[in-house]
Amino acid sequence: MPVLSARHCLVYDLFMGRDASPIETPEVAERLDELRSVFDRETGKQGAYLRIFDEFIEESEFYAALHVICDYLMEPENPVIDAMVLEKIAAIHDVMQIQDYCMEMLQAKVRPHK
């Protein structure tokens, strides 16, 4: 299965007639900030994702910021995702009332709770 980006999620949502303007609140910004730690380095590829993420947060483009995290986690270099991280991502999707297929793709990479 090919890795699909936030841009693909947005295009798919538009194609399916879904609302492309999800709920974006200060609560969402806080929750996204909690996930900033998934980028554990500020250099190289992770640094590039982090800069894009920070730019979207600064511009209050929370949908795009969320999917930068999803795109990063779907990278082949990230073979597993902590279940707690996925739960936080799912909660943000719920708060923003986003229904897309990135959650399914991330679920396949989850490392269960210990």
C-alpha atoms as a PDB file:
ATOM      1  CA  MET A   1       0.000   0.000   0.000  1.00  0.00           C
ATOM      2  CA  PRO A   2       1.495   3.389  -0.923  1.00  0.00           C
ATOM      3  CA  VAL A   3       2.090   5.953   1.775  1.00  0.00           C
ATOM      4  CA  LEU A   4      -0.360   8.804   1.378  1.00  0.00           C
ATOM      5  CA  SER A   5       0.283  12.282   2.645  1.00  0.00           C
ATOM      6  CA  ALA A   6      -1.842  14.931   4.324  1.00  0.00           C
ATOM      7  CA  ARG A   7      -2.313  16.462   0.912  1.00  0.00           C
ATOM      8  CA  HIS A   8      -3.809  13.168  -0.271  1.00  0.00           C
ATOM      9  CA  CYS A   9      -6.085  13.085   2.801  1.00  0.00           C
ATOM     10  CA  LEU A  10      -7.294  16.616   2.054  1.00  0.00           C
ATOM     11  CA  VAL A  11      -7.857  15.880  -1.640  1.00  0.00           C
ATOM     12  CA  TYR A  12      -9.672  12.662  -0.769  1.00  0.00           C
ATOM     13  CA  ASP A  13     -11.861  14.509   1.741  1.00  0.00           C
ATOM     14  CA  LEU A  14     -12.751  17.105  -0.876  1.00  0.00           C
ATOM     15  CA  PHE A  15     -13.468  14.394  -3.451  1.00  0.00           C
ATOM     16  CA  MET A  16     -15.730  12.570  -1.004  1.00  0.00           C
ATOM     17  CA  GLY A  17     -17.557  15.809  -0.205  1.00  0.00           C
ATOM     18  CA  ARG A  18     -16.275  15.966   3.362  1.00  0.00           C
ATOM     19  CA  ASP A  19     -15.786  19.224   5.185  1.00  0.00           C
ATOM     20  CA  ALA A  20     -12.273  20.436   4.468  1.00  0.00           C
ATOM     21  CA  SER A  21     -12.470  22.937   7.335  1.00  0.00           C
ATOM     22  CA  PRO A  22     -12.235  20.865  10.498  1.00  0.00           C
ATOM     23  CA  ILE A  23     -12.700  22.323  13.953  1.00  0.00           C
ATOM     24  CA  GLU A  24      -9.531  24.130  15.008  1.00  0.00           C
ATOM     25  CA  THR A  25      -9.398  25.394  18.596  1.00  0.00           C
ATOM     26  CA  PRO A  26      -6.772  26.285  21.215  1.00  0.00           C
ATOM     27  CA  GLU A  27      -7.416  22.820  22.710  1.00  0.00           C
ATOM     28  CA  VAL A  28      -6.332  21.273  19.411  1.00  0.00           C
ATOM     29  CA  ALA A  29      -3.176  23.400  19.431  1.00  0.00           C
ATOM     30  CA  GLU A  30      -2.335  22.144  22.936  1.00  0.00           C
ATOM     31  CA  ARG A  31      -2.898  18.531  21.952  1.00  0.00           C
ATOM     32  CA  LEU A  32      -0.750  18.934  18.858  1.00  0.00           C
ATOM     33  CA  ASP A  33       1.999  20.545  20.922  1.00  0.00           C
ATOM     34  CA  GLU A  34       2.031  17.421  23.108  1.00  0.00           C
ATOM     35  CA  LEU A  35       2.810  15.372  19.985  1.00  0.00           C
ATOM     36  CA  ARG A  36       5.703  17.614  18.894  1.00  0.00           C
ATOM     37  CA  SER A  37       8.024  15.202  20.712  1.00  0.00           C
ATOM     38  CA  VAL A  38       7.556  12.555  17.996  1.00  0.00           C
ATOM     39  CA  PHE A  39      10.192  14.547  16.124  1.00  0.00           C
ATOM     40  CA  ASP A  40      13.127  13.618  18.350  1.00  0.00           C
ATOM     41  CA  ARG A  41      15.737  15.431  16.273  1.00  0.00           C
ATOM     42  CA  GLU A  42      15.791  18.880  14.772  1.00  0.00           C
ATOM     43  CA  THR A  43      18.109  17.962  11.918  1.00  0.00           C
ATOM     44  CA  GLY A  44      17.808  16.001   8.704  1.00  0.00           C
ATOM     45  CA  LYS A  45      14.469  14.633   7.598  1.00  0.00           C
ATOM     46  CA  GLN A  46      12.953  14.910  11.087  1.00  0.00           C
ATOM     47  CA  GLY A  47      14.025  18.535  11.246  1.00  0.00           C
ATOM     48  CA  ALA A  48      12.310  19.237   7.937  1.00  0.00           C
ATOM     49  CA  TYR A  49       9.064  17.715   9.203  1.00  0.00           C
ATOM     50  CA  LEU A  50       9.422  19.635  12.471  1.00  0.00           C
ATOM     51  CA  ARG A  51       9.896  22.974  10.671  1.00  0.00           C
ATOM     52  CA  ILE A  52       6.799  22.353   8.547  1.00  0.00           C
ATOM     53  CA  PHE A  53       4.830  21.276  11.628  1.00  0.00           C
ATOM     54  CA  ASP A  54       5.885  24.414  13.534  1.00  0.00           C
ATOM     55  CA  GLU A  55       4.982  26.627  10.586  1.00  0.00           C
ATOM     56  CA  PHE A  56       1.485  25.140  10.371  1.00  0.00           C
ATOM     57  CA  ILE A  57       1.013  25.546  14.139  1.00  0.00           C
ATOM     58  CA  GLU A  58       2.147  29.168  13.935  1.00  0.00           C
ATOM     59  CA  GLU A  59      -0.403  29.797  11.175  1.00  0.00           C
ATOM     60  CA  SER A  60      -3.147  27.904  13.085  1.00  0.00           C
ATOM     61  CA  GLU A  61      -3.354  25.340  10.281  1.00  0.00           C
ATOM     62  CA  PHE A  62      -3.990  22.498  12.689  1.00  0.00           C
ATOM     63  CA  TYR A  63      -5.387  20.038  10.115  1.00  0.00           C
ATOM     64  CA  ALA A  64      -2.177  20.294   8.124  1.00  0.00           C
ATOM     65  CA  ALA A  65      -0.011  20.140  11.279  1.00  0.00           C
ATOM     66  CA  LEU A  66      -1.783  16.966  12.385  1.00  0.00           C
ATOM     67  CA  HIS A  67      -1.146  15.329   9.053  1.00  0.00           C
ATOM     68  CA  VAL A  68       2.513  16.344   9.059  1.00  0.00           C
ATOM     69  CA  ILE A  69       2.769  14.167  12.172  1.00  0.00           C
ATOM     70  CA  CYS A  70       0.849  11.374  10.431  1.00  0.00           C
ATOM     71  CA  ASP A  71       3.031  11.630   7.320  1.00  0.00           C
ATOM     72  CA  TYR A  72       6.182  11.520   9.423  1.00  0.00           C
ATOM     73  CA  LEU A  73       5.008   8.465  11.348  1.00  0.00           C
ATOM     74  CA  MET A  74       4.116   6.683   8.100  1.00  0.00           C
ATOM     75  CA  GLU A  75       7.692   7.036   6.843  1.00  0.00           C
ATOM     76  CA  PRO A  76       9.398   3.657   6.338  1.00  0.00           C
ATOM     77  CA  GLU A  77      12.147   4.679   8.805  1.00  0.00           C
ATOM     78  CA  ASN A  78       9.513   4.639  11.558  1.00  0.00           C
ATOM     79  CA  PRO A  79       8.612   0.957  11.711  1.00  0.00           C
ATOM     80  CA  VAL A  80       6.503   1.121  14.896  1.00  0.00           C
ATOM     81  CA  ILE A  81       4.386   3.720  16.648  1.00  0.00           C
ATOM     82  CA  ASP A  82       3.704   3.765  20.362  1.00  0.00           C
ATOM     83  CA  ALA A  83       0.043   3.020  21.097  1.00  0.00           C
ATOM     84  CA  MET A  84      -0.205   6.120  23.324  1.00  0.00           C
ATOM     85  CA  VAL A  85       0.871   8.320  20.410  1.00  0.00           C
ATOM     86  CA  LEU A  86      -1.790   6.778  18.209  1.00  0.00           C
ATOM     87  CA  GLU A  87      -4.408   7.336  20.913  1.00  0.00           C
ATOM     88  CA  LYS A  88      -3.457  11.024  21.071  1.00  0.00           C
ATOM     89  CA  ILE A  89      -3.649  11.317  17.284  1.00  0.00           C
ATOM     90  CA  ALA A  90      -7.062   9.606  17.313  1.00  0.00           C
ATOM     91  CA  ALA A  91      -8.287  11.990  20.025  1.00  0.00           C
ATOM     92  CA  ILE A  92      -7.255  14.984  17.921  1.00  0.00           C
ATOM     93  CA  HIS A  93      -9.052  13.513  14.925  1.00  0.00           C
ATOM     94  CA  ASP A  94     -12.153  13.159  17.117  1.00  0.00           C
ATOM     95  CA  VAL A  95     -11.977  16.692  18.533  1.00  0.00           C
ATOM     96  CA  MET A  96     -11.489  18.117  15.038  1.00  0.00           C
ATOM     97  CA  GLN A  97     -14.211  15.842  13.656  1.00  0.00           C
ATOM     98  CA  ILE A  98     -11.887  14.467  10.992  1.00  0.00           C
ATOM     99  CA  GLN A  99     -12.641  11.116   9.419  1.00  0.00           C
ATOM    100  CA  ASP A 100      -9.887  10.010   7.097  1.00  0.00           C
ATOM    101  CA  TYR A 101      -7.943   6.894   6.349  1.00  0.00           C
ATOM    102  CA  CYS A 102      -4.590   7.853   7.875  1.00  0.00           C
ATOM    103  CA  MET A 103      -5.683   6.327  11.198  1.00  0.00           C
ATOM    104  CA  GLU A 104      -6.068   2.937   9.523  1.00  0.00           C
ATOM    105  CA  MET A 105      -2.605   3.181   8.025  1.00  0.00           C
ATOM    106  CA  LEU A 106      -1.050   4.229  11.329  1.00  0.00           C
ATOM    107  CA  GLN A 107      -2.861   1.455  13.212  1.00  0.00           C
ATOM    108  CA  ALA A 108      -0.882  -1.101  11.225  1.00  0.00           C
ATOM    109  CA  LYS A 109       2.355   0.297  12.722  1.00  0.00           C
ATOM    110  CA  VAL A 110       1.319   0.360  16.393  1.00  0.00           C
ATOM    111  CA  ARG A 111       3.387  -1.153  19.163  1.00  0.00           C
ATOM    112  CA  PRO A 112       0.946  -2.324  21.869  1.00  0.00           C
ATOM    113  CA  HIS A 113       0.948  -0.978  25.453  1.00  0.00           C
ATOM    114  CA  LYS A 114       3.239  -2.777  27.858  1.00  0.00           C
END
